[in-house]
Every structure is written in C-alpha cells, then in structure tokens.
Amino acid sequence: MMLRQPPEPPGPASAVDERPGPEESAASASRVLRFERAVRWCHHGTAVLMALCVGTALCLYVPGLAELAGRRWLMVTVHKWSGLLLPVPLLLGLASRALRADLRRLNRFGPHDRIWLRAAARARRPHPRPGEDWGVEAGKFNAGQKVFAAWTAGAVLVMTGTGLLMWFTGLAPLVWRTSATFVHDWLALALGIVLVGHVAMAVAHPEARAAMRTGKVDRAWARREHPLWDPSDEPPPRPWKR
C-alpha cells in the first residue's frame, strides 16, 4: 500500500516568484520622483478653485453664459468664496518641506534662467517643443515656469484685494471702488489668457502632465529637459499614514 506524501511547503522559489520581475524593476528605476503628494494636492486644490473663479466670472460677464447658468446670486457667491479660498491650498501646503523647497527654487533666478528667457524670445515660443533642443539648461523649474508662478501669485493678490474692495463697499470711497473694478476686470481677462496658455502647455507635454498626476517622471526626460536638477536633492517623502 502506497502512502501519499504530503505536499511540500513552498520553498524559496515561490517567494522569488512574487518579487517584481526585471522588467518591472527596470521600469520603476527609470522614473524619478519630481513632485511629492503635498505639492500635487496643493496644485490640484488651487486649480479647482481657480477654475471655479474663472467659470463663475464668465457666467457673470458673458451674456449668453449668464442666461444659460441663471441664478446670478449663486454665481456671485461661488465666485466670491472661491476667490477668498484661493490662497488656502498654498498656505496649508507650507507645512510640507517639499513644497517649501519648490517655492525656494521658483523664487531664485540664475544666469541660466536669463539665457533660457533670451532663447525663448528668439524662438518666439515659451517652451521648446518635445524633442527640440535650444542648447540651454534649466534646473527643476525653467525660467518660463518661474515667471508664470511669480506673475500668477502677484495677480491673485491683486485680484483678491480689488475683489474685497468691490465686495465690501464701505471699505473705500467710490473712486477707489471704481478703479478696483477696472483693474479687477482687465486683470481677470489677462489671467484667463495666461491660464489658457498654461493648460495648452500641459497638453503639449504629457510627461510634465504625468509628473503632476503621479509625482514621477522618466529619468531620461528629466536629464534632457532639466539637466541642472538633481533628483537626489529632493527631500525624502514622508510615509503616508492612514
């Protein structure tokens, strides 16, 4: 009578099978961290509030959209509060060391940034097309991104100040409120045009768009587009606690 042997316990080979294969390891090694979670959340929160501001402003000033939207009081309320809350994602994100490091980078201009801007002016385009080389170098953020960040931050501050003067009519005399309305309306138009350009640039550069969505970019892309940026200088991401 033959005795059936019990099944052998899984050996080391089964454990090895659960590990990522060489292709998966190579794929993960080819991508580097560019934006930590707090940076991405700050960007997404700001984008949502900015979209609410621009969308409600269009519904208030464009007659056709105003008729479609209706409920003008609701559009006004959403526009006011989304504008007031616009700086909140950035203020909350200042608790992140990675975000503070990115803000310091955006606030510093070096000789390579001036060269980048001159090259952009000669090319009459704000950024090289994919695969196009201007022969200029950039850090984690190129000069165009730094100018955009600085201009947008200043525009948001001016829009907030002029909006408060328009909202609280007792804060200033009539001539101030009239001037605030003029500045607010025309700066809103300029800001809308700049934001359209920003979205167009994101659509034209899928790797940069993926960086803001997943946090990581291809290592070869980082070396080509931002050769002065060293990913090893990034602060290590904090473990996520549920």
C-alpha atoms as a PDB file:
ATOM      1  CA  MET A   1       0.000   0.000   0.000  1.00  0.00           C
ATOM      2  CA  MET A   2       1.475   3.291  -1.080  1.00  0.00           C
ATOM      3  CA  LEU A   3       1.314   6.180   1.326  1.00  0.00           C
ATOM      4  CA  ARG A   4       0.560   9.528  -0.218  1.00  0.00           C
ATOM      5  CA  GLN A   5       3.251  12.035   0.506  1.00  0.00           C
ATOM      6  CA  PRO A   6       2.036  15.354   1.984  1.00  0.00           C
ATOM      7  CA  PRO A   7       2.610  18.365  -0.285  1.00  0.00           C
ATOM      8  CA  GLU A   8       5.919  20.039   0.279  1.00  0.00           C
ATOM      9  CA  PRO A   9       5.821  23.557   1.747  1.00  0.00           C
ATOM     10  CA  PRO A  10       6.590  26.289  -0.732  1.00  0.00           C
ATOM     11  CA  GLY A  11      10.294  26.849  -0.978  1.00  0.00           C
ATOM     12  CA  PRO A  12      12.341  29.904  -1.774  1.00  0.00           C
ATOM     13  CA  ALA A  13      11.385  29.665  -5.428  1.00  0.00           C
ATOM     14  CA  SER A  14       7.769  30.621  -4.707  1.00  0.00           C
ATOM     15  CA  ALA A  15       8.902  33.642  -2.757  1.00  0.00           C
ATOM     16  CA  VAL A  16      11.089  34.710  -5.623  1.00  0.00           C
ATOM     17  CA  ASP A  17       8.130  34.492  -7.996  1.00  0.00           C
ATOM     18  CA  GLU A  18       6.300  37.181  -6.006  1.00  0.00           C
ATOM     19  CA  ARG A  19       9.076  39.663  -6.415  1.00  0.00           C
ATOM     20  CA  PRO A  20       8.931  42.171  -9.249  1.00  0.00           C
ATOM     21  CA  GLY A  21      10.492  40.894 -12.403  1.00  0.00           C
ATOM     22  CA  PRO A  22      13.464  42.515 -14.108  1.00  0.00           C
ATOM     23  CA  GLU A  23      11.197  44.430 -16.489  1.00  0.00           C
ATOM     24  CA  GLU A  24       9.149  45.882 -13.616  1.00  0.00           C
ATOM     25  CA  SER A  25      12.283  46.776 -11.676  1.00  0.00           C
ATOM     26  CA  ALA A  26      13.794  48.478 -14.713  1.00  0.00           C
ATOM     27  CA  ALA A  27      10.568  50.406 -15.311  1.00  0.00           C
ATOM     28  CA  SER A  28      10.433  51.656 -11.719  1.00  0.00           C
ATOM     29  CA  ALA A  29      14.123  52.545 -11.754  1.00  0.00           C
ATOM     30  CA  SER A  30      13.679  54.592 -14.938  1.00  0.00           C
ATOM     31  CA  ARG A  31      11.297  57.014 -13.173  1.00  0.00           C
ATOM     32  CA  VAL A  32      12.284  59.537 -10.528  1.00  0.00           C
ATOM     33  CA  LEU A  33      10.209  61.453  -8.008  1.00  0.00           C
ATOM     34  CA  ARG A  34       9.528  65.026  -9.096  1.00  0.00           C
ATOM     35  CA  PHE A  35       6.552  66.175  -7.014  1.00  0.00           C
ATOM     36  CA  GLU A  36       5.598  64.846  -3.598  1.00  0.00           C
ATOM     37  CA  ARG A  37       1.956  64.248  -2.663  1.00  0.00           C
ATOM     38  CA  ALA A  38       1.577  67.552  -0.780  1.00  0.00           C
ATOM     39  CA  VAL A  39       2.838  69.506  -3.802  1.00  0.00           C
ATOM     40  CA  ARG A  40       0.384  67.767  -6.113  1.00  0.00           C
ATOM     41  CA  TRP A  41      -2.530  68.311  -3.760  1.00  0.00           C
ATOM     42  CA  CYS A  42      -1.668  71.993  -3.463  1.00  0.00           C
ATOM     43  CA  HIS A  43      -1.622  72.297  -7.249  1.00  0.00           C
ATOM     44  CA  HIS A  44      -4.895  70.400  -7.678  1.00  0.00           C
ATOM     45  CA  GLY A  45      -6.681  72.386  -4.963  1.00  0.00           C
ATOM     46  CA  THR A  46      -5.514  75.671  -6.449  1.00  0.00           C
ATOM     47  CA  ALA A  47      -6.555  74.523  -9.928  1.00  0.00           C
ATOM     48  CA  VAL A  48     -10.083  73.637  -8.767  1.00  0.00           C
ATOM     49  CA  LEU A  49     -10.569  76.979  -7.005  1.00  0.00           C
ATOM     50  CA  MET A  50      -9.129  78.870  -9.978  1.00  0.00           C
ATOM     51  CA  ALA A  51     -11.452  77.015 -12.342  1.00  0.00           C
ATOM     52  CA  LEU A  52     -14.424  77.986 -10.154  1.00  0.00           C
ATOM     53  CA  CYS A  53     -13.315  81.624 -10.184  1.00  0.00           C
ATOM     54  CA  VAL A  54     -12.866  81.741 -13.945  1.00  0.00           C
ATOM     55  CA  GLY A  55     -16.022  79.756 -14.682  1.00  0.00           C
ATOM     56  CA  THR A  56     -18.266  81.857 -12.462  1.00  0.00           C
ATOM     57  CA  ALA A  57     -16.682  85.058 -13.781  1.00  0.00           C
ATOM     58  CA  LEU A  58     -17.567  84.011 -17.337  1.00  0.00           C
ATOM     59  CA  CYS A  59     -21.126  83.308 -16.221  1.00  0.00           C
ATOM     60  CA  LEU A  60     -21.318  86.792 -14.703  1.00  0.00           C
ATOM     61  CA  TYR A  61     -19.836  88.777 -17.610  1.00  0.00           C
ATOM     62  CA  VAL A  62     -20.772  86.881 -20.777  1.00  0.00           C
ATOM     63  CA  PRO A  63     -24.479  87.431 -21.516  1.00  0.00           C
ATOM     64  CA  GLY A  64     -25.003  84.093 -23.255  1.00  0.00           C
ATOM     65  CA  LEU A  65     -23.449  82.114 -20.401  1.00  0.00           C
ATOM     66  CA  ALA A  66     -25.317  84.214 -17.856  1.00  0.00           C
ATOM     67  CA  GLU A  67     -28.617  83.219 -19.464  1.00  0.00           C
ATOM     68  CA  LEU A  68     -27.650  79.544 -19.507  1.00  0.00           C
ATOM     69  CA  ALA A  69     -26.404  79.491 -15.924  1.00  0.00           C
ATOM     70  CA  GLY A  70     -29.101  81.654 -14.353  1.00  0.00           C
ATOM     71  CA  ARG A  71     -29.134  82.071 -10.570  1.00  0.00           C
ATOM     72  CA  ARG A  72     -26.829  85.043 -10.626  1.00  0.00           C
ATOM     73  CA  TRP A  73     -26.750  85.222  -6.849  1.00  0.00           C
ATOM     74  CA  LEU A  74     -25.322  81.681  -6.740  1.00  0.00           C
ATOM     75  CA  MET A  75     -22.638  82.535  -9.298  1.00  0.00           C
ATOM     76  CA  VAL A  76     -21.689  85.635  -7.315  1.00  0.00           C
ATOM     77  CA  THR A  77     -21.479  83.681  -4.046  1.00  0.00           C
ATOM     78  CA  VAL A  78     -19.347  80.895  -5.534  1.00  0.00           C
ATOM     79  CA  HIS A  79     -17.091  83.455  -7.229  1.00  0.00           C
ATOM     80  CA  LYS A  80     -16.512  85.378  -4.009  1.00  0.00           C
ATOM     81  CA  TRP A  81     -15.755  82.423  -1.786  1.00  0.00           C
ATOM     82  CA  SER A  82     -13.626  80.539  -4.312  1.00  0.00           C
ATOM     83  CA  GLY A  83     -11.553  83.710  -4.699  1.00  0.00           C
ATOM     84  CA  LEU A  84     -11.136  84.108  -0.950  1.00  0.00           C
ATOM     85  CA  LEU A  85     -10.190  80.442  -0.540  1.00  0.00           C
ATOM     86  CA  LEU A  86      -7.699  80.520  -3.420  1.00  0.00           C
ATOM     87  CA  PRO A  87      -4.593  81.010  -1.198  1.00  0.00           C
ATOM     88  CA  VAL A  88      -5.683  78.300   1.272  1.00  0.00           C
ATOM     89  CA  PRO A  89      -4.127  75.263  -0.521  1.00  0.00           C
ATOM     90  CA  LEU A  90      -0.767  77.031  -0.651  1.00  0.00           C
ATOM     91  CA  LEU A  91      -0.956  78.116   2.987  1.00  0.00           C
ATOM     92  CA  LEU A  92      -1.805  74.574   4.087  1.00  0.00           C
ATOM     93  CA  GLY A  93       0.906  73.149   1.844  1.00  0.00           C
ATOM     94  CA  LEU A  94       3.579  75.230   3.570  1.00  0.00           C
ATOM     95  CA  ALA A  95       3.610  72.511   6.225  1.00  0.00           C
ATOM     96  CA  SER A  96       5.316  70.306   3.611  1.00  0.00           C
ATOM     97  CA  ARG A  97       9.092  70.527   3.405  1.00  0.00           C
ATOM     98  CA  ALA A  98       8.968  69.518  -0.260  1.00  0.00           C
ATOM     99  CA  LEU A  99       6.629  72.386  -1.124  1.00  0.00           C
ATOM    100  CA  ARG A 100       8.797  74.907   0.705  1.00  0.00           C
ATOM    101  CA  ALA A 101      11.824  73.629  -1.214  1.00  0.00           C
ATOM    102  CA  ASP A 102       9.996  74.046  -4.530  1.00  0.00           C
ATOM    103  CA  LEU A 103       8.965  77.595  -3.594  1.00  0.00           C
ATOM    104  CA  ARG A 104      12.598  78.465  -2.900  1.00  0.00           C
ATOM    105  CA  ARG A 105      13.565  77.126  -6.315  1.00  0.00           C
ATOM    106  CA  LEU A 106      10.819  79.117  -8.013  1.00  0.00           C
ATOM    107  CA  ASN A 107      11.971  82.285  -6.253  1.00  0.00           C
ATOM    108  CA  ARG A 108      15.581  82.094  -7.437  1.00  0.00           C
ATOM    109  CA  PHE A 109      16.827  83.226 -10.829  1.00  0.00           C
ATOM    110  CA  GLY A 110      20.279  82.321 -12.036  1.00  0.00           C
ATOM    111  CA  PRO A 111      22.358  83.085 -15.136  1.00  0.00           C
ATOM    112  CA  HIS A 112      20.960  80.007 -16.895  1.00  0.00           C
ATOM    113  CA  ASP A 113      17.428  81.389 -16.422  1.00  0.00           C
ATOM    114  CA  ARG A 114      18.302  84.615 -18.229  1.00  0.00           C
ATOM    115  CA  ILE A 115      19.826  82.579 -21.054  1.00  0.00           C
ATOM    116  CA  TRP A 116      16.631  80.496 -21.204  1.00  0.00           C
ATOM    117  CA  LEU A 117      14.444  83.602 -21.474  1.00  0.00           C
ATOM    118  CA  ARG A 118      16.598  85.076 -24.243  1.00  0.00           C
ATOM    119  CA  ALA A 119      16.423  81.780 -26.129  1.00  0.00           C
ATOM    120  CA  ALA A 120      12.643  81.734 -25.704  1.00  0.00           C
ATOM    121  CA  ALA A 121      12.363  85.288 -27.004  1.00  0.00           C
ATOM    122  CA  ARG A 122      14.448  84.427 -30.071  1.00  0.00           C
ATOM    123  CA  ALA A 123      12.393  81.319 -30.750  1.00  0.00           C
ATOM    124  CA  ARG A 124       9.135  83.264 -30.203  1.00  0.00           C
ATOM    125  CA  ARG A 125       7.816  80.310 -28.214  1.00  0.00           C
ATOM    126  CA  PRO A 126       7.563  79.988 -24.418  1.00  0.00           C
ATOM    127  CA  HIS A 127       8.951  76.451 -24.337  1.00  0.00           C
ATOM    128  CA  PRO A 128      10.796  74.099 -26.689  1.00  0.00           C
ATOM    129  CA  ARG A 129       8.671  71.512 -28.392  1.00  0.00           C
ATOM    130  CA  PRO A 130       9.119  67.840 -27.391  1.00  0.00           C
ATOM    131  CA  GLY A 131      12.481  66.673 -28.667  1.00  0.00           C
ATOM    132  CA  GLU A 132      13.618  70.196 -29.547  1.00  0.00           C
ATOM    133  CA  ASP A 133      16.887  71.398 -28.016  1.00  0.00           C
ATOM    134  CA  TRP A 134      17.651  75.082 -27.552  1.00  0.00           C
ATOM    135  CA  GLY A 135      21.080  74.394 -26.121  1.00  0.00           C
ATOM    136  CA  VAL A 136      20.124  75.979 -22.782  1.00  0.00           C
ATOM    137  CA  GLU A 137      19.947  74.406 -19.338  1.00  0.00           C
ATOM    138  CA  ALA A 138      17.317  74.531 -16.630  1.00  0.00           C
ATOM    139  CA  GLY A 139      17.006  73.380 -13.051  1.00  0.00           C
ATOM    140  CA  LYS A 140      13.935  71.693 -11.640  1.00  0.00           C
ATOM    141  CA  PHE A 141      11.918  74.650 -12.958  1.00  0.00           C
ATOM    142  CA  ASN A 142      12.834  76.528 -16.098  1.00  0.00           C
ATOM    143  CA  ALA A 143      12.654  80.302 -16.320  1.00  0.00           C
ATOM    144  CA  GLY A 144       9.258  80.234 -18.009  1.00  0.00           C
ATOM    145  CA  GLN A 145       7.746  78.285 -15.135  1.00  0.00           C
ATOM    146  CA  LYS A 146       9.299  80.694 -12.636  1.00  0.00           C
ATOM    147  CA  VAL A 147       7.896  83.734 -14.438  1.00  0.00           C
ATOM    148  CA  PHE A 148       4.475  82.114 -14.659  1.00  0.00           C
ATOM    149  CA  ALA A 149       4.457  81.267 -10.935  1.00  0.00           C
ATOM    150  CA  ALA A 150       5.547  84.783  -9.923  1.00  0.00           C
ATOM    151  CA  TRP A 151       3.068  86.511 -12.226  1.00  0.00           C
ATOM    152  CA  THR A 152       0.178  84.297 -11.124  1.00  0.00           C
ATOM    153  CA  ALA A 153       0.936  84.825  -7.434  1.00  0.00           C
ATOM    154  CA  GLY A 154       1.002  88.595  -7.915  1.00  0.00           C
ATOM    155  CA  ALA A 155      -2.172  88.545  -9.997  1.00  0.00           C
ATOM    156  CA  VAL A 156      -4.019  86.522  -7.349  1.00  0.00           C
ATOM    157  CA  LEU A 157      -3.020  89.012  -4.642  1.00  0.00           C
ATOM    158  CA  VAL A 158      -4.203  91.976  -6.730  1.00  0.00           C
ATOM    159  CA  MET A 159      -7.426  90.193  -7.658  1.00  0.00           C
ATOM    160  CA  THR A 160      -8.108  89.398  -4.012  1.00  0.00           C
ATOM    161  CA  GLY A 161      -7.504  92.994  -2.911  1.00  0.00           C
ATOM    162  CA  THR A 162      -9.623  94.552  -5.629  1.00  0.00           C
ATOM    163  CA  GLY A 163     -12.332  91.949  -5.109  1.00  0.00           C
ATOM    164  CA  LEU A 164     -12.558  92.797  -1.409  1.00  0.00           C
ATOM    165  CA  LEU A 165     -12.971  96.474  -2.274  1.00  0.00           C
ATOM    166  CA  MET A 166     -15.794  95.562  -4.626  1.00  0.00           C
ATOM    167  CA  TRP A 167     -17.442  93.219  -2.126  1.00  0.00           C
ATOM    168  CA  PHE A 168     -17.272  95.382   0.976  1.00  0.00           C
ATOM    169  CA  THR A 169     -18.378  98.739  -0.363  1.00  0.00           C
ATOM    170  CA  GLY A 170     -17.757 100.531   2.924  1.00  0.00           C
ATOM    171  CA  LEU A 171     -14.021  99.902   2.878  1.00  0.00           C
ATOM    172  CA  ALA A 172     -13.164 102.651   0.389  1.00  0.00           C
ATOM    173  CA  PRO A 173     -14.688 105.695  -1.346  1.00  0.00           C
ATOM    174  CA  LEU A 174     -16.459 105.399  -4.682  1.00  0.00           C
ATOM    175  CA  VAL A 175     -13.462 106.421  -6.789  1.00  0.00           C
ATOM    176  CA  TRP A 176     -11.380 103.630  -5.249  1.00  0.00           C
ATOM    177  CA  ARG A 177     -14.093 101.055  -5.884  1.00  0.00           C
ATOM    178  CA  THR A 178     -14.432 102.207  -9.478  1.00  0.00           C
ATOM    179  CA  SER A 179     -10.692 101.864 -10.024  1.00  0.00           C
ATOM    180  CA  ALA A 180     -10.724  98.470  -8.297  1.00  0.00           C
ATOM    181  CA  THR A 181     -13.466  97.272 -10.641  1.00  0.00           C
ATOM    182  CA  PHE A 182     -11.461  98.389 -13.698  1.00  0.00           C
ATOM    183  CA  VAL A 183      -8.282  96.660 -12.503  1.00  0.00           C
ATOM    184  CA  HIS A 184     -10.164  93.527 -11.420  1.00  0.00           C
ATOM    185  CA  ASP A 185     -11.933  93.068 -14.754  1.00  0.00           C
ATOM    186  CA  TRP A 186      -8.939  93.614 -17.013  1.00  0.00           C
ATOM    187  CA  LEU A 187      -6.565  91.605 -14.853  1.00  0.00           C
ATOM    188  CA  ALA A 188      -9.107  88.767 -14.838  1.00  0.00           C
ATOM    189  CA  LEU A 189      -9.041  88.800 -18.638  1.00  0.00           C
ATOM    190  CA  ALA A 190      -5.230  88.677 -18.675  1.00  0.00           C
ATOM    191  CA  LEU A 191      -5.210  85.905 -16.087  1.00  0.00           C
ATOM    192  CA  GLY A 192      -7.661  83.877 -18.136  1.00  0.00           C
ATOM    193  CA  ILE A 193      -5.458  84.154 -21.231  1.00  0.00           C
ATOM    194  CA  VAL A 194      -2.382  83.095 -19.249  1.00  0.00           C
ATOM    195  CA  LEU A 195      -4.240  80.108 -17.789  1.00  0.00           C
ATOM    196  CA  VAL A 196      -5.303  79.004 -21.267  1.00  0.00           C
ATOM    197  CA  GLY A 197      -1.644  79.069 -22.271  1.00  0.00           C
ATOM    198  CA  HIS A 198      -0.737  77.084 -19.162  1.00  0.00           C
ATOM    199  CA  VAL A 199      -3.283  74.387 -19.998  1.00  0.00           C
ATOM    200  CA  ALA A 200      -2.092  74.308 -23.611  1.00  0.00           C
ATOM    201  CA  MET A 201       1.491  73.755 -22.448  1.00  0.00           C
ATOM    202  CA  ALA A 202       0.345  70.916 -20.174  1.00  0.00           C
ATOM    203  CA  VAL A 203      -1.487  69.268 -23.078  1.00  0.00           C
ATOM    204  CA  ALA A 204       1.581  69.588 -25.313  1.00  0.00           C
ATOM    205  CA  HIS A 205       3.920  67.986 -22.742  1.00  0.00           C
ATOM    206  CA  PRO A 206       2.432  64.718 -21.449  1.00  0.00           C
ATOM    207  CA  GLU A 207       5.453  63.853 -19.284  1.00  0.00           C
ATOM    208  CA  ALA A 208       5.150  67.105 -17.353  1.00  0.00           C
ATOM    209  CA  ARG A 209       1.428  66.457 -17.001  1.00  0.00           C
ATOM    210  CA  ALA A 210       2.098  62.954 -15.694  1.00  0.00           C
ATOM    211  CA  ALA A 211       4.514  64.395 -13.130  1.00  0.00           C
ATOM    212  CA  MET A 212       1.721  66.446 -11.583  1.00  0.00           C
ATOM    213  CA  ARG A 213      -0.638  63.471 -11.700  1.00  0.00           C
ATOM    214  CA  THR A 214       1.610  60.652 -10.419  1.00  0.00           C
ATOM    215  CA  GLY A 215       4.560  62.569  -8.986  1.00  0.00           C
ATOM    216  CA  LYS A 216       7.155  60.766 -11.110  1.00  0.00           C
ATOM    217  CA  VAL A 217       8.804  61.408 -14.471  1.00  0.00           C
ATOM    218  CA  ASP A 218      11.021  59.487 -16.817  1.00  0.00           C
ATOM    219  CA  ARG A 219      14.674  59.809 -15.867  1.00  0.00           C
ATOM    220  CA  ALA A 220      15.757  60.431 -19.450  1.00  0.00           C
ATOM    221  CA  TRP A 221      13.165  63.209 -19.791  1.00  0.00           C
ATOM    222  CA  ALA A 222      14.421  64.843 -16.596  1.00  0.00           C
ATOM    223  CA  ARG A 223      18.005  64.782 -17.840  1.00  0.00           C
ATOM    224  CA  ARG A 224      17.008  66.262 -21.190  1.00  0.00           C
ATOM    225  CA  GLU A 225      14.564  68.963 -20.030  1.00  0.00           C
ATOM    226  CA  HIS A 226      16.063  69.825 -16.607  1.00  0.00           C
ATOM    227  CA  PRO A 227      19.754  68.853 -16.692  1.00  0.00           C
ATOM    228  CA  LEU A 228      20.650  71.068 -13.699  1.00  0.00           C
ATOM    229  CA  TRP A 229      18.122  69.319 -11.458  1.00  0.00           C
ATOM    230  CA  ASP A 230      19.421  66.519  -9.261  1.00  0.00           C
ATOM    231  CA  PRO A 231      16.541  64.278  -8.098  1.00  0.00           C
ATOM    232  CA  SER A 232      18.697  63.028  -5.214  1.00  0.00           C
ATOM    233  CA  ASP A 233      18.444  66.514  -3.662  1.00  0.00           C
ATOM    234  CA  GLU A 234      14.700  66.078  -3.167  1.00  0.00           C
ATOM    235  CA  PRO A 235      13.635  65.646   0.472  1.00  0.00           C
ATOM    236  CA  PRO A 236      12.600  62.036   1.120  1.00  0.00           C
ATOM    237  CA  PRO A 237       8.821  61.575   1.072  1.00  0.00           C
ATOM    238  CA  ARG A 238       7.224  61.045   4.442  1.00  0.00           C
ATOM    239  CA  PRO A 239       5.435  57.738   4.997  1.00  0.00           C
ATOM    240  CA  TRP A 240       1.708  58.011   4.389  1.00  0.00           C
ATOM    241  CA  LYS A 241      -0.350  57.251   7.484  1.00  0.00           C
ATOM    242  CA  ARG A 242      -3.893  56.017   7.106  1.00  0.00           C
END
